[in-house]
PDB file of N, CA and C in Angstrom:
ATOM      1  N   MET A   1      24.436 -12.871 -35.210  1.00  0.00           N
ATOM      2  CA  MET A   1      23.427 -13.138 -34.211  1.00  0.00           C
ATOM      3  C   MET A   1      24.064 -13.865 -33.027  1.00  0.00           C
ATOM      4  N   SER A   2      23.788 -13.397 -31.846  1.00  0.00           N
ATOM      5  CA  SER A   2      24.383 -13.955 -30.644  1.00  0.00           C
ATOM      6  C   SER A   2      23.503 -15.075 -30.095  1.00  0.00           C
ATOM      7  N   THR A   3      24.126 -16.136 -29.618  1.00  0.00           N
ATOM      8  CA  THR A   3      23.372 -17.244 -29.035  1.00  0.00           C
ATOM      9  C   THR A   3      23.434 -17.236 -27.516  1.00  0.00           C
ATOM     10  N   SER A   4      24.109 -16.237 -26.943  1.00  0.00           N
ATOM     11  CA  SER A   4      24.205 -16.183 -25.480  1.00  0.00           C
ATOM     12  C   SER A   4      22.869 -15.768 -24.880  1.00  0.00           C
ATOM     13  N   PRO A   5      22.505 -16.387 -23.740  1.00  0.00           N
ATOM     14  CA  PRO A   5      21.223 -16.037 -23.115  1.00  0.00           C
ATOM     15  C   PRO A   5      21.288 -14.632 -22.525  1.00  0.00           C
ATOM     16  N   ARG A   6      20.198 -13.947 -22.630  1.00  0.00           N
ATOM     17  CA  ARG A   6      20.105 -12.597 -22.060  1.00  0.00           C
ATOM     18  C   ARG A   6      19.474 -12.666 -20.692  1.00  0.00           C
ATOM     19  N   ALA A   7      19.838 -11.726 -19.862  1.00  0.00           N
ATOM     20  CA  ALA A   7      19.213 -11.631 -18.540  1.00  0.00           C
ATOM     21  C   ALA A   7      17.775 -11.172 -18.725  1.00  0.00           C
ATOM     22  N   PRO A   8      16.856 -11.739 -17.971  1.00  0.00           N
ATOM     23  CA  PRO A   8      15.460 -11.316 -18.108  1.00  0.00           C
ATOM     24  C   PRO A   8      15.293  -9.862 -17.694  1.00  0.00           C
ATOM     25  N   LEU A   9      14.406  -9.166 -18.359  1.00  0.00           N
ATOM     26  CA  LEU A   9      14.127  -7.774 -18.015  1.00  0.00           C
ATOM     27  C   LEU A   9      13.312  -7.733 -16.735  1.00  0.00           C
ATOM     28  N   ARG A  10      13.640  -6.816 -15.869  1.00  0.00           N
ATOM     29  CA  ARG A  10      12.909  -6.668 -14.615  1.00  0.00           C
ATOM     30  C   ARG A  10      11.646  -5.866 -14.875  1.00  0.00           C
ATOM     31  N   ALA A  11      10.546  -6.343 -14.345  1.00  0.00           N
ATOM     32  CA  ALA A  11       9.275  -5.641 -14.490  1.00  0.00           C
ATOM     33  C   ALA A  11       9.333  -4.327 -13.715  1.00  0.00           C
ATOM     34  N   SER A  12       8.594  -3.333 -14.180  1.00  0.00           N
ATOM     35  CA  SER A  12       8.587  -2.049 -13.500  1.00  0.00           C
ATOM     36  C   SER A  12       7.775  -2.103 -12.212  1.00  0.00           C
ATOM     37  N   ARG A  13       6.928  -3.106 -12.062  1.00  0.00           N
ATOM     38  CA  ARG A  13       6.112  -3.255 -10.854  1.00  0.00           C
ATOM     39  C   ARG A  13       6.722  -4.312  -9.947  1.00  0.00           C
ATOM     40  N   PRO A  14       6.629  -4.108  -8.638  1.00  0.00           N
ATOM     41  CA  PRO A  14       7.154  -5.134  -7.744  1.00  0.00           C
ATOM     42  C   PRO A  14       6.257  -6.368  -7.766  1.00  0.00           C
ATOM     43  N   ALA A  15       6.825  -7.521  -7.621  1.00  0.00           N
ATOM     44  CA  ALA A  15       6.048  -8.746  -7.492  1.00  0.00           C
ATOM     45  C   ALA A  15       5.355  -8.718  -6.134  1.00  0.00           C
ATOM     46  N   PRO A  16       4.237  -9.422  -5.978  1.00  0.00           N
ATOM     47  CA  PRO A  16       3.521  -9.387  -4.704  1.00  0.00           C
ATOM     48  C   PRO A  16       4.398  -9.718  -3.500  1.00  0.00           C
ATOM     49  N   GLY A  17       5.354 -10.607  -3.654  1.00  0.00           N
ATOM     50  CA  GLY A  17       6.224 -10.968  -2.537  1.00  0.00           C
ATOM     51  C   GLY A  17       7.237  -9.906  -2.181  1.00  0.00           C
ATOM     52  N   GLU A  18       7.443  -8.936  -3.043  1.00  0.00           N
ATOM     53  CA  GLU A  18       8.436  -7.900  -2.769  1.00  0.00           C
ATOM     54  C   GLU A  18       7.933  -6.847  -1.799  1.00  0.00           C
ATOM     55  N   LEU A  19       6.649  -6.678  -1.672  1.00  0.00           N
ATOM     56  CA  LEU A  19       6.094  -5.681  -0.759  1.00  0.00           C
ATOM     57  C   LEU A  19       5.989  -6.287   0.633  1.00  0.00           C
ATOM     58  N   ARG A  20       6.364  -5.501   1.652  1.00  0.00           N
ATOM     59  CA  ARG A  20       6.293  -5.985   3.018  1.00  0.00           C
ATOM     60  C   ARG A  20       5.962  -4.813   3.959  1.00  0.00           C
ATOM     61  N   LEU A  21       5.457  -5.144   5.123  1.00  0.00           N
ATOM     62  CA  LEU A  21       5.126  -4.124   6.111  1.00  0.00           C
ATOM     63  C   LEU A  21       6.361  -3.309   6.468  1.00  0.00           C
ATOM     64  N   GLY A  22       6.179  -2.011   6.603  1.00  0.00           N
ATOM     65  CA  GLY A  22       7.267  -1.123   6.980  1.00  0.00           C
ATOM     66  C   GLY A  22       8.114  -0.655   5.813  1.00  0.00           C
ATOM     67  N   MET A  23       7.872  -1.199   4.636  1.00  0.00           N
ATOM     68  CA  MET A  23       8.652  -0.828   3.452  1.00  0.00           C
ATOM     69  C   MET A  23       8.224   0.559   2.968  1.00  0.00           C
ATOM     70  N   VAL A  24       9.192   1.369   2.567  1.00  0.00           N
ATOM     71  CA  VAL A  24       8.902   2.686   1.999  1.00  0.00           C
ATOM     72  C   VAL A  24       8.722   2.495   0.494  1.00  0.00           C
ATOM     73  N   VAL A  25       7.586   2.966  -0.001  1.00  0.00           N
ATOM     74  CA  VAL A  25       7.256   2.813  -1.413  1.00  0.00           C
ATOM     75  C   VAL A  25       6.857   4.164  -1.997  1.00  0.00           C
ATOM     76  N   PHE A  26       6.817   4.221  -3.315  1.00  0.00           N
ATOM     77  CA  PHE A  26       6.367   5.424  -4.015  1.00  0.00           C
ATOM     78  C   PHE A  26       5.100   5.059  -4.764  1.00  0.00           C
ATOM     79  N   ASP A  27       4.021   5.792  -4.501  1.00  0.00           N
ATOM     80  CA  ASP A  27       2.741   5.577  -5.176  1.00  0.00           C
ATOM     81  C   ASP A  27       2.707   6.457  -6.424  1.00  0.00           C
ATOM     82  N   ARG A  28       2.768   5.828  -7.585  1.00  0.00           N
ATOM     83  CA  ARG A  28       2.791   6.581  -8.835  1.00  0.00           C
ATOM     84  C   ARG A  28       1.465   7.267  -9.121  1.00  0.00           C
ATOM     85  N   GLN A  29       0.369   6.759  -8.586  1.00  0.00           N
ATOM     86  CA  GLN A  29      -0.933   7.378  -8.817  1.00  0.00           C
ATOM     87  C   GLN A  29      -1.054   8.688  -8.046  1.00  0.00           C
ATOM     88  N   CYS A  30      -0.592   8.712  -6.795  1.00  0.00           N
ATOM     89  CA  CYS A  30      -0.665   9.915  -5.960  1.00  0.00           C
ATOM     90  C   CYS A  30       0.596  10.766  -6.049  1.00  0.00           C
ATOM     91  N   ASP A  31       1.660  10.204  -6.603  1.00  0.00           N
ATOM     92  CA  ASP A  31       2.946  10.887  -6.727  1.00  0.00           C
ATOM     93  C   ASP A  31       3.524  11.228  -5.347  1.00  0.00           C
ATOM     94  N   LEU A  32       3.420  10.257  -4.408  1.00  0.00           N
ATOM     95  CA  LEU A  32       3.895  10.453  -3.047  1.00  0.00           C
ATOM     96  C   LEU A  32       4.611   9.206  -2.540  1.00  0.00           C
ATOM     97  N   ALA A  33       5.596   9.416  -1.677  1.00  0.00           N
ATOM     98  CA  ALA A  33       6.247   8.311  -0.978  1.00  0.00           C
ATOM     99  C   ALA A  33       5.513   8.084   0.333  1.00  0.00           C
ATOM    100  N   ALA A  34       5.444   6.822   0.754  1.00  0.00           N
ATOM    101  CA  ALA A  34       4.756   6.477   1.996  1.00  0.00           C
ATOM    102  C   ALA A  34       5.282   5.139   2.499  1.00  0.00           C
ATOM    103  N   GLU A  35       4.854   4.772   3.700  1.00  0.00           N
ATOM    104  CA  GLU A  35       5.258   3.506   4.313  1.00  0.00           C
ATOM    105  C   GLU A  35       4.071   2.547   4.312  1.00  0.00           C
ATOM    106  N   ILE A  36       4.319   1.289   4.007  1.00  0.00           N
ATOM    107  CA  ILE A  36       3.256   0.279   3.993  1.00  0.00           C
ATOM    108  C   ILE A  36       2.903  -0.089   5.426  1.00  0.00           C
ATOM    109  N   VAL A  37       1.588  -0.040   5.730  1.00  0.00           N
ATOM    110  CA  VAL A  37       1.119  -0.403   7.068  1.00  0.00           C
ATOM    111  C   VAL A  37       0.148  -1.577   7.045  1.00  0.00           C
ATOM    112  N   GLY A  38      -0.268  -2.029   5.865  1.00  0.00           N
ATOM    113  CA  GLY A  38      -1.180  -3.163   5.825  1.00  0.00           C
ATOM    114  C   GLY A  38      -1.546  -3.576   4.408  1.00  0.00           C
ATOM    115  N   PHE A  39      -2.153  -4.757   4.332  1.00  0.00           N
ATOM    116  CA  PHE A  39      -2.591  -5.309   3.052  1.00  0.00           C
ATOM    117  C   PHE A  39      -4.038  -5.752   3.178  1.00  0.00           C
ATOM    118  N   ALA A  40      -4.807  -5.591   2.111  1.00  0.00           N
ATOM    119  CA  ALA A  40      -6.191  -6.049   2.063  1.00  0.00           C
ATOM    120  C   ALA A  40      -6.466  -6.532   0.642  1.00  0.00           C
ATOM    121  N   GLY A  41      -6.159  -7.797   0.381  1.00  0.00           N
ATOM    122  CA  GLY A  41      -6.320  -8.339  -0.969  1.00  0.00           C
ATOM    123  C   GLY A  41      -5.360  -7.649  -1.919  1.00  0.00           C
ATOM    124  N   PRO A  42      -5.879  -7.105  -3.027  1.00  0.00           N
ATOM    125  CA  PRO A  42      -4.993  -6.429  -3.980  1.00  0.00           C
ATOM    126  C   PRO A  42      -4.646  -4.999  -3.556  1.00  0.00           C
ATOM    127  N   MET A  43      -5.238  -4.552  -2.468  1.00  0.00           N
ATOM    128  CA  MET A  43      -5.011  -3.190  -2.001  1.00  0.00           C
ATOM    129  C   MET A  43      -3.929  -3.164  -0.923  1.00  0.00           C
ATOM    130  N   VAL A  44      -3.219  -2.043  -0.866  1.00  0.00           N
ATOM    131  CA  VAL A  44      -2.161  -1.841   0.127  1.00  0.00           C
ATOM    132  C   VAL A  44      -2.482  -0.554   0.876  1.00  0.00           C
ATOM    133  N   ARG A  45      -2.407  -0.611   2.200  1.00  0.00           N
ATOM    134  CA  ARG A  45      -2.620   0.587   3.017  1.00  0.00           C
ATOM    135  C   ARG A  45      -1.267   1.226   3.280  1.00  0.00           C
ATOM    136  N   VAL A  46      -1.176   2.520   3.011  1.00  0.00           N
ATOM    137  CA  VAL A  46       0.072   3.258   3.206  1.00  0.00           C
ATOM    138  C   VAL A  46      -0.200   4.503   4.037  1.00  0.00           C
ATOM    139  N   VAL A  47       0.863   5.017   4.677  1.00  0.00           N
ATOM    140  CA  VAL A  47       0.731   6.200   5.523  1.00  0.00           C
ATOM    141  C   VAL A  47       1.984   7.056   5.373  1.00  0.00           C
ATOM    142  N   ARG A  48       1.779   8.361   5.507  1.00  0.00           N
ATOM    143  CA  ARG A  48       2.900   9.311   5.523  1.00  0.00           C
ATOM    144  C   ARG A  48       3.104   9.772   6.957  1.00  0.00           C
ATOM    145  N   PRO A  49       4.265  10.317   7.295  1.00  0.00           N
ATOM    146  CA  PRO A  49       4.554  10.729   8.680  1.00  0.00           C
ATOM    147  C   PRO A  49       3.579  11.776   9.219  1.00  0.00           C
ATOM    148  N   THR A  50       2.926  12.517   8.352  1.00  0.00           N
ATOM    149  CA  THR A  50       1.982  13.546   8.783  1.00  0.00           C
ATOM    150  C   THR A  50       0.633  12.970   9.189  1.00  0.00           C
ATOM    151  N   GLY A  51       0.432  11.660   8.955  1.00  0.00           N
ATOM    152  CA  GLY A  51      -0.831  11.023   9.291  1.00  0.00           C
ATOM    153  C   GLY A  51      -1.720  10.784   8.094  1.00  0.00           C
ATOM    154  N   LEU A  52      -1.383  11.345   6.951  1.00  0.00           N
ATOM    155  CA  LEU A  52      -2.150  11.099   5.738  1.00  0.00           C
ATOM    156  C   LEU A  52      -2.038   9.622   5.394  1.00  0.00           C
ATOM    157  N   HIS A  53      -3.182   8.969   5.195  1.00  0.00           N
ATOM    158  CA  HIS A  53      -3.158   7.553   4.847  1.00  0.00           C
ATOM    159  C   HIS A  53      -4.180   7.283   3.753  1.00  0.00           C
ATOM    160  N   TRP A  54      -3.927   6.253   2.981  1.00  0.00           N
ATOM    161  CA  TRP A  54      -4.824   5.875   1.891  1.00  0.00           C
ATOM    162  C   TRP A  54      -4.561   4.436   1.501  1.00  0.00           C
ATOM    163  N   GLN A  55      -5.479   3.909   0.677  1.00  0.00           N
ATOM    164  CA  GLN A  55      -5.309   2.579   0.107  1.00  0.00           C
ATOM    165  C   GLN A  55      -5.088   2.727  -1.384  1.00  0.00           C
ATOM    166  N   THR A  56      -4.244   1.877  -1.922  1.00  0.00           N
ATOM    167  CA  THR A  56      -3.952   1.920  -3.345  1.00  0.00           C
ATOM    168  C   THR A  56      -3.721   0.505  -3.853  1.00  0.00           C
ATOM    169  N   HIS A  57      -3.864   0.321  -5.143  1.00  0.00           N
ATOM    170  CA  HIS A  57      -3.570  -0.986  -5.735  1.00  0.00           C
ATOM    171  C   HIS A  57      -2.070  -1.218  -5.696  1.00  0.00           C
ATOM    172  N   ARG A  58      -1.679  -2.458  -5.462  1.00  0.00           N
ATOM    173  CA  ARG A  58      -0.243  -2.752  -5.371  1.00  0.00           C
ATOM    174  C   ARG A  58       0.493  -2.504  -6.675  1.00  0.00           C
ATOM    175  N   VAL A  59      -0.214  -2.518  -7.811  1.00  0.00           N
ATOM    176  CA  VAL A  59       0.463  -2.294  -9.096  1.00  0.00           C
ATOM    177  C   VAL A  59       0.888  -0.835  -9.278  1.00  0.00           C
ATOM    178  N   THR A  60       0.342   0.083  -8.482  1.00  0.00           N
ATOM    179  CA  THR A  60       0.736   1.488  -8.604  1.00  0.00           C
ATOM    180  C   THR A  60       1.967   1.805  -7.757  1.00  0.00           C
ATOM    181  N   LEU A  61       2.432   0.819  -6.967  1.00  0.00           N
ATOM    182  CA  LEU A  61       3.561   1.042  -6.073  1.00  0.00           C
ATOM    183  C   LEU A  61       4.862   0.524  -6.668  1.00  0.00           C
ATOM    184  N   ARG A  62       5.933   1.209  -6.298  1.00  0.00           N
ATOM    185  CA  ARG A  62       7.280   0.734  -6.599  1.00  0.00           C
ATOM    186  C   ARG A  62       8.131   1.035  -5.374  1.00  0.00           C
ATOM    187  N   PRO A  63       9.210   0.281  -5.177  1.00  0.00           N
ATOM    188  CA  PRO A  63      10.084   0.596  -4.033  1.00  0.00           C
ATOM    189  C   PRO A  63      10.617   2.026  -4.153  1.00  0.00           C
ATOM    190  N   ALA A  64      10.684   2.707  -3.040  1.00  0.00           N
ATOM    191  CA  ALA A  64      11.186   4.082  -3.036  1.00  0.00           C
ATOM    192  C   ALA A  64      12.688   4.096  -3.280  1.00  0.00           C
ATOM    193  N   THR A  65      13.149   5.149  -3.912  1.00  0.00           N
ATOM    194  CA  THR A  65      14.581   5.339  -4.109  1.00  0.00           C
ATOM    195  C   THR A  65      15.187   5.813  -2.785  1.00  0.00           C
ATOM    196  N   PRO A  66      16.492   5.712  -2.627  1.00  0.00           N
ATOM    197  CA  PRO A  66      17.114   6.244  -1.393  1.00  0.00           C
ATOM    198  C   PRO A  66      16.790   7.723  -1.183  1.00  0.00           C
ATOM    199  N   TYR A  67      16.724   8.496  -2.252  1.00  0.00           N
ATOM    200  CA  TYR A  67      16.384   9.916  -2.148  1.00  0.00           C
ATOM    201  C   TYR A  67      14.972  10.093  -1.589  1.00  0.00           C
ATOM    202  N   GLU A  68      14.009   9.305  -2.082  1.00  0.00           N
ATOM    203  CA  GLU A  68      12.627   9.407  -1.594  1.00  0.00           C
ATOM    204  C   GLU A  68      12.530   8.960  -0.137  1.00  0.00           C
ATOM    205  N   GLU A  69      13.319   7.966   0.243  1.00  0.00           N
ATOM    206  CA  GLU A  69      13.339   7.541   1.645  1.00  0.00           C
ATOM    207  C   GLU A  69      13.862   8.656   2.545  1.00  0.00           C
ATOM    208  N   ARG A  70      14.922   9.351   2.096  1.00  0.00           N
ATOM    209  CA  ARG A  70      15.457  10.479   2.871  1.00  0.00           C
ATOM    210  C   ARG A  70      14.431  11.606   2.970  1.00  0.00           C
ATOM    211  N   GLN A  71      13.687  11.854   1.902  1.00  0.00           N
ATOM    212  CA  GLN A  71      12.653  12.884   1.935  1.00  0.00           C
ATOM    213  C   GLN A  71      11.598  12.552   2.981  1.00  0.00           C
ATOM    214  N   LEU A  72      11.191  11.291   3.031  1.00  0.00           N
ATOM    215  CA  LEU A  72      10.177  10.871   4.000  1.00  0.00           C
ATOM    216  C   LEU A  72      10.705  11.007   5.428  1.00  0.00           C
ATOM    217  N   THR A  73      11.972  10.671   5.645  1.00  0.00           N
ATOM    218  CA  THR A  73      12.586  10.825   6.961  1.00  0.00           C
ATOM    219  C   THR A  73      12.645  12.298   7.360  1.00  0.00           C
ATOM    220  N   ALA A  74      13.012  13.164   6.422  1.00  0.00           N
ATOM    221  CA  ALA A  74      13.067  14.603   6.690  1.00  0.00           C
ATOM    222  C   ALA A  74      11.675  15.157   6.986  1.00  0.00           C
ATOM    223  N   LEU A  75      10.675  14.672   6.268  1.00  0.00           N
ATOM    224  CA  LEU A  75       9.301  15.114   6.515  1.00  0.00           C
ATOM    225  C   LEU A  75       8.859  14.714   7.914  1.00  0.00           C
ATOM    226  N   ALA A  76       9.225  13.509   8.344  1.00  0.00           N
ATOM    227  CA  ALA A  76       8.867  13.058   9.695  1.00  0.00           C
ATOM    228  C   ALA A  76       9.513  13.944  10.754  1.00  0.00           C
ATOM    229  N   ALA A  77      10.794  14.295  10.560  1.00  0.00           N
ATOM    230  CA  ALA A  77      11.488  15.160  11.518  1.00  0.00           C
ATOM    231  C   ALA A  77      10.848  16.551  11.557  1.00  0.00           C
ATOM    232  N   LEU A  78      10.514  17.094  10.406  1.00  0.00           N
ATOM    233  CA  LEU A  78       9.862  18.403  10.340  1.00  0.00           C
ATOM    234  C   LEU A  78       8.497  18.365  11.020  1.00  0.00           C
ATOM    235  N   HIS A  79       7.755  17.310  10.790  1.00  0.00           N
ATOM    236  CA  HIS A  79       6.422  17.190  11.391  1.00  0.00           C
ATOM    237  C   HIS A  79       6.527  17.113  12.921  1.00  0.00           C
ATOM    238  N   ARG A  80       7.495  16.327  13.430  1.00  0.00           N
ATOM    239  CA  ARG A  80       7.689  16.244  14.883  1.00  0.00           C
ATOM    240  C   ARG A  80       8.056  17.602  15.467  1.00  0.00           C
ATOM    241  N   THR A  81       8.915  18.343  14.790  1.00  0.00           N
ATOM    242  CA  THR A  81       9.330  19.668  15.237  1.00  0.00           C
ATOM    243  C   THR A  81       8.155  20.622  15.282  1.00  0.00           C
ATOM    244  N   ARG A  82       7.330  20.606  14.257  1.00  0.00           N
ATOM    245  CA  ARG A  82       6.165  21.497  14.216  1.00  0.00           C
ATOM    246  C   ARG A  82       5.139  21.143  15.269  1.00  0.00           C
ATOM    247  N   LEU A  83       5.019  19.853  15.575  1.00  0.00           N
ATOM    248  CA  LEU A  83       4.075  19.466  16.624  1.00  0.00           C
ATOM    249  C   LEU A  83       4.522  19.961  17.990  1.00  0.00           C
ATOM    250  N   LYS A  84       5.838  20.120  18.179  1.00  0.00           N
ATOM    251  CA  LYS A  84       6.371  20.646  19.428  1.00  0.00           C
ATOM    252  C   LYS A  84       6.190  22.149  19.540  1.00  0.00           C
ATOM    253  N   GLY A  85       5.829  22.809  18.425  1.00  0.00           N
ATOM    254  CA  GLY A  85       5.589  24.244  18.446  1.00  0.00           C
ATOM    255  C   GLY A  85       6.821  25.088  18.205  1.00  0.00           C
ATOM    256  N   ARG A  86       7.826  24.538  17.603  1.00  0.00           N
ATOM    257  CA  ARG A  86       9.050  25.302  17.349  1.00  0.00           C
ATOM    258  C   ARG A  86       9.036  25.912  15.983  1.00  0.00           C
TER     259      ARG A  86
END
């Protein structure tokens, strides 16, 4: 039996202080990545580059992976291109 202290396990949900405006997160309930645009108590307002926006509980959010962040950036570029009519 080992007596060395173990590192605490990280919770799968972000702590309330970890979420901030402009942060890209993944909503597990909607299965979508989005950017945080506001807070209202336990709810978080998020938006996608296409204009889709919704509110969700902060416990359903996790920080986006680099891959999900790149997907959101690519979606924004595609949306801008389509709005130009190309």
